[in-house]
Amino acid sequence: MMQHFKRWLTALILIPILLWAIIKGSILVFAALVSLVSILAIHEYFDIICANDIDTISKTTRLISYSACTALIMGACIGSWPILFFILALDMMALCVFVLARFSSVTHIFDLVARQVLGIVYIPLSLALLVFIRDANAGALWVIWLLIVCFANDTGALYVGTFKGKHKLSPNISPNKTIEGALGGLVIALAAGLVFSLMFFQDFYLALRSIPCAICIAAAGQIGDLFESAMKRVGHIKDSGKILPGHGGMLDRIDGVLLAIPVFYFFKVFVL
């Protein structure tokens, strides 16, 4: 019960700040907030993905990664894909120099590079798309719609699974997740997205087109949740961090959002 209380209290504190940044803040302010989230998340990602290593991840690798996070998301403010590709190329060049400098002293150097590249694609590149969405027509409303669908999916899966769950969804990865919870999350996410569309966009046909989008986003969110759970299980870690009471770490909170963003971006460009 105390865990649920902390979860809702944290949400009530953070939601007004998030809504202000999305609705009232400039695109630069929004990008700065997303950059902060990205840096916190990739910091936790390295703690998880390197938990079984004898040596801690180098400060150089972390610095390259934090710089790439900030550059990718701030670069998205310009609204140019070539800028993002250029930043990714710079990240790779920095990693190449790191490999050449540390090749003889770090035996698993290429394993570290692979983890870093995965982290950059997984976290800041995905979040950079959120800046593109926010900067588009009616972008603030669409960002809120996306987050509502994702959080409704998480909350629905949690409570339906807690009270009605009987059949394990993936016991080897996350023993507490159930098929009933996953289906409940999909239904509640779909309902939340549909109601929001009808209330704020006031376009019935747009609301209908958003139905498959909400379903795909919810499914992607649940895959993202399981993916992070798999990483934590390999690293023998319960939560990615403690920065958000009741939720765990930043990565625990946005794990589903990270895979949902590219799916939504596709629908926003080609369907909605």
C-alpha atoms as a PDB file:
ATOM      1  CA  MET A   1       0.000   0.000   0.000  1.00  0.00           C
ATOM      2  CA  MET A   2       2.813   2.422   0.893  1.00  0.00           C
ATOM      3  CA  GLN A   3       4.448   1.721  -2.482  1.00  0.00           C
ATOM      4  CA  HIS A   4       1.261   2.701  -4.318  1.00  0.00           C
ATOM      5  CA  PHE A   5       0.942   5.847  -2.182  1.00  0.00           C
ATOM      6  CA  LYS A   6       4.495   6.904  -3.075  1.00  0.00           C
ATOM      7  CA  ARG A   7       3.791   6.133  -6.734  1.00  0.00           C
ATOM      8  CA  TRP A   8       0.749   8.415  -6.895  1.00  0.00           C
ATOM      9  CA  LEU A   9       2.331  11.153  -4.758  1.00  0.00           C
ATOM     10  CA  THR A  10       5.368  11.295  -7.062  1.00  0.00           C
ATOM     11  CA  ALA A  11       3.068  11.477 -10.089  1.00  0.00           C
ATOM     12  CA  LEU A  12       1.004  14.304  -8.576  1.00  0.00           C
ATOM     13  CA  ILE A  13       4.161  16.325  -7.930  1.00  0.00           C
ATOM     14  CA  LEU A  14       5.768  15.779 -11.336  1.00  0.00           C
ATOM     15  CA  ILE A  15       2.717  15.977 -13.629  1.00  0.00           C
ATOM     16  CA  PRO A  16       2.177  19.777 -13.238  1.00  0.00           C
ATOM     17  CA  ILE A  17       5.868  20.414 -14.016  1.00  0.00           C
ATOM     18  CA  LEU A  18       5.706  18.156 -17.045  1.00  0.00           C
ATOM     19  CA  LEU A  19       2.482  19.725 -18.329  1.00  0.00           C
ATOM     20  CA  TRP A  20       3.919  23.229 -17.940  1.00  0.00           C
ATOM     21  CA  ALA A  21       7.024  22.283 -19.934  1.00  0.00           C
ATOM     22  CA  ILE A  22       4.925  20.683 -22.680  1.00  0.00           C
ATOM     23  CA  ILE A  23       2.204  23.345 -22.967  1.00  0.00           C
ATOM     24  CA  LYS A  24       3.776  26.626 -21.842  1.00  0.00           C
ATOM     25  CA  GLY A  25       7.484  26.041 -22.217  1.00  0.00           C
ATOM     26  CA  SER A  26       9.357  26.911 -25.393  1.00  0.00           C
ATOM     27  CA  ILE A  27      10.733  24.126 -27.554  1.00  0.00           C
ATOM     28  CA  LEU A  28      14.156  24.847 -26.034  1.00  0.00           C
ATOM     29  CA  VAL A  29      12.822  24.478 -22.481  1.00  0.00           C
ATOM     30  CA  PHE A  30      11.075  21.250 -23.445  1.00  0.00           C
ATOM     31  CA  ALA A  31      14.252  19.916 -25.073  1.00  0.00           C
ATOM     32  CA  ALA A  32      16.292  20.833 -21.971  1.00  0.00           C
ATOM     33  CA  LEU A  33      13.892  18.834 -19.789  1.00  0.00           C
ATOM     34  CA  VAL A  34      14.040  15.867 -22.173  1.00  0.00           C
ATOM     35  CA  SER A  35      17.856  16.104 -22.183  1.00  0.00           C
ATOM     36  CA  LEU A  36      17.914  15.885 -18.399  1.00  0.00           C
ATOM     37  CA  VAL A  37      15.644  12.832 -18.504  1.00  0.00           C
ATOM     38  CA  SER A  38      17.874  11.277 -21.161  1.00  0.00           C
ATOM     39  CA  ILE A  39      21.084  11.780 -19.169  1.00  0.00           C
ATOM     40  CA  LEU A  40      19.539  10.335 -16.002  1.00  0.00           C
ATOM     41  CA  ALA A  41      18.183   7.368 -17.954  1.00  0.00           C
ATOM     42  CA  ILE A  42      21.438   6.535 -19.732  1.00  0.00           C
ATOM     43  CA  HIS A  43      23.331   6.840 -16.448  1.00  0.00           C
ATOM     44  CA  GLU A  44      21.026   4.151 -15.024  1.00  0.00           C
ATOM     45  CA  TYR A  45      21.316   2.148 -18.244  1.00  0.00           C
ATOM     46  CA  PHE A  46      25.099   1.877 -17.831  1.00  0.00           C
ATOM     47  CA  ASP A  47      24.698   0.864 -14.178  1.00  0.00           C
ATOM     48  CA  ILE A  48      22.393  -1.960 -15.296  1.00  0.00           C
ATOM     49  CA  ILE A  49      24.142  -3.123 -18.447  1.00  0.00           C
ATOM     50  CA  CYS A  50      27.592  -3.151 -16.799  1.00  0.00           C
ATOM     51  CA  ALA A  51      26.476  -4.483 -13.411  1.00  0.00           C
ATOM     52  CA  ASN A  52      28.271  -7.812 -13.902  1.00  0.00           C
ATOM     53  CA  ASP A  53      31.546  -6.284 -15.107  1.00  0.00           C
ATOM     54  CA  ILE A  54      34.587  -6.443 -12.855  1.00  0.00           C
ATOM     55  CA  ASP A  55      35.664  -2.945 -13.867  1.00  0.00           C
ATOM     56  CA  THR A  56      33.292   0.014 -13.713  1.00  0.00           C
ATOM     57  CA  ILE A  57      32.507   1.776 -16.966  1.00  0.00           C
ATOM     58  CA  SER A  58      35.007   4.510 -17.711  1.00  0.00           C
ATOM     59  CA  LYS A  59      34.287   8.182 -17.162  1.00  0.00           C
ATOM     60  CA  THR A  60      35.260   8.781 -20.789  1.00  0.00           C
ATOM     61  CA  THR A  61      32.491   6.502 -22.057  1.00  0.00           C
ATOM     62  CA  ARG A  62      29.974   8.181 -19.771  1.00  0.00           C
ATOM     63  CA  LEU A  63      31.099  11.649 -20.859  1.00  0.00           C
ATOM     64  CA  ILE A  64      30.806  10.734 -24.551  1.00  0.00           C
ATOM     65  CA  SER A  65      27.338   9.322 -23.890  1.00  0.00           C
ATOM     66  CA  TYR A  66      26.084  12.305 -21.870  1.00  0.00           C
ATOM     67  CA  SER A  67      27.353  14.640 -24.577  1.00  0.00           C
ATOM     68  CA  ALA A  68      25.613  12.593 -27.270  1.00  0.00           C
ATOM     69  CA  CYS A  69      22.362  12.671 -25.263  1.00  0.00           C
ATOM     70  CA  THR A  70      22.406  16.445 -24.988  1.00  0.00           C
ATOM     71  CA  ALA A  71      23.529  17.017 -28.580  1.00  0.00           C
ATOM     72  CA  LEU A  72      20.917  14.681 -30.103  1.00  0.00           C
ATOM     73  CA  ILE A  73      17.990  16.167 -28.231  1.00  0.00           C
ATOM     74  CA  MET A  74      19.084  19.783 -28.551  1.00  0.00           C
ATOM     75  CA  GLY A  75      19.849  19.099 -32.218  1.00  0.00           C
ATOM     76  CA  ALA A  76      16.260  17.992 -32.670  1.00  0.00           C
ATOM     77  CA  CYS A  77      15.224  21.589 -31.821  1.00  0.00           C
ATOM     78  CA  ILE A  78      16.564  22.527 -35.243  1.00  0.00           C
ATOM     79  CA  GLY A  79      14.192  19.997 -36.753  1.00  0.00           C
ATOM     80  CA  SER A  80      16.744  18.456 -39.113  1.00  0.00           C
ATOM     81  CA  TRP A  81      17.398  14.739 -39.477  1.00  0.00           C
ATOM     82  CA  PRO A  82      20.860  15.351 -41.034  1.00  0.00           C
ATOM     83  CA  ILE A  83      21.899  17.048 -37.786  1.00  0.00           C
ATOM     84  CA  LEU A  84      20.970  13.924 -35.832  1.00  0.00           C
ATOM     85  CA  PHE A  85      22.883  11.678 -38.231  1.00  0.00           C
ATOM     86  CA  PHE A  86      25.900  13.975 -37.952  1.00  0.00           C
ATOM     87  CA  ILE A  87      25.774  13.764 -34.137  1.00  0.00           C
ATOM     88  CA  LEU A  88      25.560   9.968 -34.328  1.00  0.00           C
ATOM     89  CA  ALA A  89      28.605  10.003 -36.623  1.00  0.00           C
ATOM     90  CA  LEU A  90      30.499  12.167 -34.113  1.00  0.00           C
ATOM     91  CA  ASP A  91      29.560   9.727 -31.347  1.00  0.00           C
ATOM     92  CA  MET A  92      30.980   6.852 -33.412  1.00  0.00           C
ATOM     93  CA  MET A  93      34.165   8.788 -34.143  1.00  0.00           C
ATOM     94  CA  ALA A  94      34.634   9.536 -30.438  1.00  0.00           C
ATOM     95  CA  LEU A  95      34.167   5.832 -29.688  1.00  0.00           C
ATOM     96  CA  CYS A  96      36.723   4.914 -32.359  1.00  0.00           C
ATOM     97  CA  VAL A  97      39.291   7.216 -30.758  1.00  0.00           C
ATOM     98  CA  PHE A  98      38.448   5.674 -27.381  1.00  0.00           C
ATOM     99  CA  VAL A  99      39.019   2.166 -28.788  1.00  0.00           C
ATOM    100  CA  LEU A 100      42.400   3.141 -30.244  1.00  0.00           C
ATOM    101  CA  ALA A 101      43.488   4.756 -26.986  1.00  0.00           C
ATOM    102  CA  ARG A 102      42.356   1.934 -24.684  1.00  0.00           C
ATOM    103  CA  PHE A 103      42.701  -1.120 -26.944  1.00  0.00           C
ATOM    104  CA  SER A 104      45.580  -2.746 -25.100  1.00  0.00           C
ATOM    105  CA  SER A 105      44.299  -2.102 -21.569  1.00  0.00           C
ATOM    106  CA  VAL A 106      40.606  -3.042 -21.892  1.00  0.00           C
ATOM    107  CA  THR A 107      40.063  -6.563 -23.190  1.00  0.00           C
ATOM    108  CA  HIS A 108      36.298  -6.195 -23.706  1.00  0.00           C
ATOM    109  CA  ILE A 109      36.547  -2.800 -25.412  1.00  0.00           C
ATOM    110  CA  PHE A 110      34.267  -3.658 -28.337  1.00  0.00           C
ATOM    111  CA  ASP A 111      31.653  -5.066 -25.986  1.00  0.00           C
ATOM    112  CA  LEU A 112      31.597  -1.695 -24.215  1.00  0.00           C
ATOM    113  CA  VAL A 113      31.288   0.117 -27.543  1.00  0.00           C
ATOM    114  CA  ALA A 114      28.338  -2.092 -28.552  1.00  0.00           C
ATOM    115  CA  ARG A 115      26.588  -1.356 -25.259  1.00  0.00           C
ATOM    116  CA  GLN A 116      27.153   2.365 -25.673  1.00  0.00           C
ATOM    117  CA  VAL A 117      25.743   2.391 -29.219  1.00  0.00           C
ATOM    118  CA  LEU A 118      22.707   0.404 -28.053  1.00  0.00           C
ATOM    119  CA  GLY A 119      22.180   2.892 -25.230  1.00  0.00           C
ATOM    120  CA  ILE A 120      22.345   5.899 -27.552  1.00  0.00           C
ATOM    121  CA  VAL A 121      19.836   4.411 -30.005  1.00  0.00           C
ATOM    122  CA  TYR A 122      17.642   3.114 -27.192  1.00  0.00           C
ATOM    123  CA  ILE A 123      17.387   6.312 -25.130  1.00  0.00           C
ATOM    124  CA  PRO A 124      18.373   9.755 -26.543  1.00  0.00           C
ATOM    125  CA  LEU A 125      17.667   9.005 -30.208  1.00  0.00           C
ATOM    126  CA  SER A 126      14.159   7.890 -29.309  1.00  0.00           C
ATOM    127  CA  LEU A 127      13.626  10.884 -27.027  1.00  0.00           C
ATOM    128  CA  ALA A 128      14.863  13.223 -29.783  1.00  0.00           C
ATOM    129  CA  LEU A 129      11.806  12.157 -31.796  1.00  0.00           C
ATOM    130  CA  LEU A 130       9.669  13.483 -28.946  1.00  0.00           C
ATOM    131  CA  VAL A 131      11.124  16.943 -29.598  1.00  0.00           C
ATOM    132  CA  PHE A 132      10.204  16.599 -33.294  1.00  0.00           C
ATOM    133  CA  ILE A 133       6.642  15.692 -32.256  1.00  0.00           C
ATOM    134  CA  ARG A 134       6.407  18.623 -29.820  1.00  0.00           C
ATOM    135  CA  ASP A 135       7.588  21.045 -32.518  1.00  0.00           C
ATOM    136  CA  ALA A 136       4.981  19.860 -35.069  1.00  0.00           C
ATOM    137  CA  ASN A 137       1.448  21.146 -35.578  1.00  0.00           C
ATOM    138  CA  ALA A 138      -0.600  20.636 -32.363  1.00  0.00           C
ATOM    139  CA  GLY A 139       2.566  19.059 -31.009  1.00  0.00           C
ATOM    140  CA  ALA A 140       1.888  19.765 -27.343  1.00  0.00           C
ATOM    141  CA  LEU A 141      -1.474  17.981 -27.488  1.00  0.00           C
ATOM    142  CA  TRP A 142       0.048  15.011 -29.305  1.00  0.00           C
ATOM    143  CA  VAL A 143       2.857  14.676 -26.749  1.00  0.00           C
ATOM    144  CA  ILE A 144       0.266  14.690 -23.952  1.00  0.00           C
ATOM    145  CA  TRP A 145      -1.847  12.143 -25.875  1.00  0.00           C
ATOM    146  CA  LEU A 146       1.175   9.873 -26.264  1.00  0.00           C
ATOM    147  CA  LEU A 147       2.125  10.095 -22.577  1.00  0.00           C
ATOM    148  CA  ILE A 148      -1.463   9.513 -21.454  1.00  0.00           C
ATOM    149  CA  VAL A 149      -1.709   6.369 -23.584  1.00  0.00           C
ATOM    150  CA  CYS A 150       1.631   5.098 -22.272  1.00  0.00           C
ATOM    151  CA  PHE A 151       0.890   5.819 -18.619  1.00  0.00           C
ATOM    152  CA  ALA A 152      -2.662   4.458 -18.896  1.00  0.00           C
ATOM    153  CA  ASN A 153      -1.139   1.318 -20.358  1.00  0.00           C
ATOM    154  CA  ASP A 154       1.333   1.004 -17.444  1.00  0.00           C
ATOM    155  CA  THR A 155      -1.241   1.765 -14.766  1.00  0.00           C
ATOM    156  CA  GLY A 156      -3.912  -0.455 -16.314  1.00  0.00           C
ATOM    157  CA  ALA A 157      -1.503  -3.377 -16.654  1.00  0.00           C
ATOM    158  CA  LEU A 158      -0.335  -2.918 -13.055  1.00  0.00           C
ATOM    159  CA  TYR A 159      -3.753  -2.847 -11.404  1.00  0.00           C
ATOM    160  CA  VAL A 160      -5.563  -5.313 -13.653  1.00  0.00           C
ATOM    161  CA  GLY A 161      -2.641  -7.683 -13.244  1.00  0.00           C
ATOM    162  CA  THR A 162      -2.615  -7.177  -9.466  1.00  0.00           C
ATOM    163  CA  PHE A 163      -6.309  -7.874  -8.956  1.00  0.00           C
ATOM    164  CA  LYS A 164      -7.208 -10.134 -11.897  1.00  0.00           C
ATOM    165  CA  GLY A 165      -3.930 -11.600 -13.111  1.00  0.00           C
ATOM    166  CA  LYS A 166      -3.658 -15.399 -13.170  1.00  0.00           C
ATOM    167  CA  HIS A 167      -1.603 -16.374 -16.216  1.00  0.00           C
ATOM    168  CA  LYS A 168       2.060 -15.350 -16.316  1.00  0.00           C
ATOM    169  CA  LEU A 169       3.093 -13.303 -19.336  1.00  0.00           C
ATOM    170  CA  SER A 170       6.844 -13.902 -19.212  1.00  0.00           C
ATOM    171  CA  PRO A 171       7.809 -15.606 -15.940  1.00  0.00           C
ATOM    172  CA  ASN A 172      11.497 -15.911 -16.825  1.00  0.00           C
ATOM    173  CA  ILE A 173      11.804 -12.142 -17.264  1.00  0.00           C
ATOM    174  CA  SER A 174       9.171 -10.590 -15.015  1.00  0.00           C
ATOM    175  CA  PRO A 175       7.264 -13.038 -12.772  1.00  0.00           C
ATOM    176  CA  ASN A 176       4.697 -10.435 -11.674  1.00  0.00           C
ATOM    177  CA  LYS A 177       3.455  -9.545 -15.169  1.00  0.00           C
ATOM    178  CA  THR A 178       0.379 -11.392 -16.382  1.00  0.00           C
ATOM    179  CA  ILE A 179      -1.497 -11.846 -19.641  1.00  0.00           C
ATOM    180  CA  GLU A 180      -4.611 -10.375 -18.016  1.00  0.00           C
ATOM    181  CA  GLY A 181      -2.622  -7.316 -16.967  1.00  0.00           C
ATOM    182  CA  ALA A 182      -1.216  -6.862 -20.469  1.00  0.00           C
ATOM    183  CA  LEU A 183      -4.684  -7.071 -22.032  1.00  0.00           C
ATOM    184  CA  GLY A 184      -6.097  -4.738 -19.381  1.00  0.00           C
ATOM    185  CA  GLY A 185      -3.342  -2.234 -20.145  1.00  0.00           C
ATOM    186  CA  LEU A 186      -4.134  -2.366 -23.867  1.00  0.00           C
ATOM    187  CA  VAL A 187      -7.856  -1.774 -23.281  1.00  0.00           C
ATOM    188  CA  ILE A 188      -7.355   1.087 -20.817  1.00  0.00           C
ATOM    189  CA  ALA A 189      -4.718   2.720 -23.035  1.00  0.00           C
ATOM    190  CA  LEU A 190      -7.072   2.518 -26.025  1.00  0.00           C
ATOM    191  CA  ALA A 191      -9.936   4.016 -24.019  1.00  0.00           C
ATOM    192  CA  ALA A 192      -7.765   6.833 -22.648  1.00  0.00           C
ATOM    193  CA  GLY A 193      -6.440   7.712 -26.110  1.00  0.00           C
ATOM    194  CA  LEU A 194      -9.908   7.681 -27.652  1.00  0.00           C
ATOM    195  CA  VAL A 195     -11.467   9.855 -24.949  1.00  0.00           C
ATOM    196  CA  PHE A 196      -8.595  12.364 -25.130  1.00  0.00           C
ATOM    197  CA  SER A 197      -8.866  12.568 -28.930  1.00  0.00           C
ATOM    198  CA  LEU A 198     -12.606  13.212 -28.819  1.00  0.00           C
ATOM    199  CA  MET A 199     -12.300  15.817 -26.061  1.00  0.00           C
ATOM    200  CA  PHE A 200      -9.348  17.873 -27.259  1.00  0.00           C
ATOM    201  CA  PHE A 201      -9.021  17.300 -31.012  1.00  0.00           C
ATOM    202  CA  GLN A 202     -12.806  17.175 -31.495  1.00  0.00           C
ATOM    203  CA  ASP A 203     -12.398  15.215 -34.709  1.00  0.00           C
ATOM    204  CA  PHE A 204     -14.303  11.928 -34.831  1.00  0.00           C
ATOM    205  CA  TYR A 205     -12.419  10.549 -37.830  1.00  0.00           C
ATOM    206  CA  LEU A 206      -9.077  11.497 -36.305  1.00  0.00           C
ATOM    207  CA  ALA A 207     -10.139   9.694 -33.131  1.00  0.00           C
ATOM    208  CA  LEU A 208     -10.928   6.577 -35.187  1.00  0.00           C
ATOM    209  CA  ARG A 209      -7.525   6.739 -36.904  1.00  0.00           C
ATOM    210  CA  SER A 210      -5.881   7.018 -33.508  1.00  0.00           C
ATOM    211  CA  ILE A 211      -7.287   3.642 -32.383  1.00  0.00           C
ATOM    212  CA  PRO A 212      -4.701   1.417 -34.145  1.00  0.00           C
ATOM    213  CA  CYS A 213      -2.033   3.913 -33.112  1.00  0.00           C
ATOM    214  CA  ALA A 214      -2.992   3.583 -29.425  1.00  0.00           C
ATOM    215  CA  ILE A 215      -2.996  -0.215 -29.663  1.00  0.00           C
ATOM    216  CA  CYS A 216       0.449  -0.322 -31.297  1.00  0.00           C
ATOM    217  CA  ILE A 217       1.834   2.198 -28.801  1.00  0.00           C
ATOM    218  CA  ALA A 218       0.526   0.158 -25.868  1.00  0.00           C
ATOM    219  CA  ALA A 219       2.003  -3.047 -27.312  1.00  0.00           C
ATOM    220  CA  ALA A 220       5.363  -1.316 -27.913  1.00  0.00           C
ATOM    221  CA  GLY A 221       5.266   0.062 -24.370  1.00  0.00           C
ATOM    222  CA  GLN A 222       4.795  -3.391 -22.892  1.00  0.00           C
ATOM    223  CA  ILE A 223       7.651  -4.759 -25.004  1.00  0.00           C
ATOM    224  CA  GLY A 224       9.838  -1.899 -23.784  1.00  0.00           C
ATOM    225  CA  ASP A 225       8.890  -2.652 -20.187  1.00  0.00           C
ATOM    226  CA  LEU A 226       9.845  -6.315 -20.610  1.00  0.00           C
ATOM    227  CA  PHE A 227      13.080  -5.374 -22.367  1.00  0.00           C
ATOM    228  CA  GLU A 228      14.207  -3.260 -19.423  1.00  0.00           C
ATOM    229  CA  SER A 229      13.115  -6.009 -17.022  1.00  0.00           C
ATOM    230  CA  ALA A 230      15.304  -8.448 -18.959  1.00  0.00           C
ATOM    231  CA  MET A 231      18.298  -6.116 -18.631  1.00  0.00           C
ATOM    232  CA  LYS A 232      17.712  -5.758 -14.888  1.00  0.00           C
ATOM    233  CA  ARG A 233      17.357  -9.520 -14.451  1.00  0.00           C
ATOM    234  CA  VAL A 234      20.690 -10.121 -16.179  1.00  0.00           C
ATOM    235  CA  GLY A 235      22.281  -7.460 -13.981  1.00  0.00           C
ATOM    236  CA  HIS A 236      20.514  -8.787 -10.829  1.00  0.00           C
ATOM    237  CA  ILE A 237      19.012  -5.358 -10.187  1.00  0.00           C
ATOM    238  CA  LYS A 238      15.481  -4.717  -8.910  1.00  0.00           C
ATOM    239  CA  ASP A 239      15.101  -1.042  -9.861  1.00  0.00           C
ATOM    240  CA  SER A 240      17.172   1.084 -12.223  1.00  0.00           C
ATOM    241  CA  GLY A 241      17.458   3.745  -9.505  1.00  0.00           C
ATOM    242  CA  LYS A 242      15.689   5.509  -6.645  1.00  0.00           C
ATOM    243  CA  ILE A 243      15.188   8.988  -8.060  1.00  0.00           C
ATOM    244  CA  LEU A 244      11.397   8.573  -8.363  1.00  0.00           C
ATOM    245  CA  PRO A 245       9.841   7.192  -5.147  1.00  0.00           C
ATOM    246  CA  GLY A 246       7.273   4.499  -5.890  1.00  0.00           C
ATOM    247  CA  HIS A 247       8.486   4.155  -9.468  1.00  0.00           C
ATOM    248  CA  GLY A 248      12.185   3.394  -9.068  1.00  0.00           C
ATOM    249  CA  GLY A 249      14.599   5.052 -11.453  1.00  0.00           C
ATOM    250  CA  MET A 250      14.072   7.280 -14.443  1.00  0.00           C
ATOM    251  CA  LEU A 251      14.545   4.342 -16.807  1.00  0.00           C
ATOM    252  CA  ASP A 252      11.894   2.392 -14.886  1.00  0.00           C
ATOM    253  CA  ARG A 253       9.455   5.218 -15.571  1.00  0.00           C
ATOM    254  CA  ILE A 254      10.170   5.738 -19.271  1.00  0.00           C
ATOM    255  CA  ASP A 255      11.100   2.205 -20.403  1.00  0.00           C
ATOM    256  CA  GLY A 256       7.788   1.744 -22.207  1.00  0.00           C
ATOM    257  CA  VAL A 257       7.760   5.287 -23.584  1.00  0.00           C
ATOM    258  CA  LEU A 258      11.134   4.783 -25.273  1.00  0.00           C
ATOM    259  CA  LEU A 259       9.788   2.149 -27.682  1.00  0.00           C
ATOM    260  CA  ALA A 260       6.390   3.821 -27.989  1.00  0.00           C
ATOM    261  CA  ILE A 261       7.823   7.116 -29.285  1.00  0.00           C
ATOM    262  CA  PRO A 262       9.181   5.767 -32.634  1.00  0.00           C
ATOM    263  CA  VAL A 263       5.908   3.889 -33.208  1.00  0.00           C
ATOM    264  CA  PHE A 264       3.896   7.036 -32.594  1.00  0.00           C
ATOM    265  CA  TYR A 265       6.231   9.093 -34.774  1.00  0.00           C
ATOM    266  CA  PHE A 266       5.534   6.727 -37.677  1.00  0.00           C
ATOM    267  CA  PHE A 267       1.768   7.054 -37.206  1.00  0.00           C
ATOM    268  CA  LYS A 268       1.997  10.824 -36.789  1.00  0.00           C
ATOM    269  CA  VAL A 269       3.906  11.220 -40.072  1.00  0.00           C
ATOM    270  CA  PHE A 270       2.046   8.691 -42.226  1.00  0.00           C
ATOM    271  CA  VAL A 271      -1.394   8.062 -40.678  1.00  0.00           C
ATOM    272  CA  LEU A 272      -2.681  10.772 -38.335  1.00  0.00           C
END
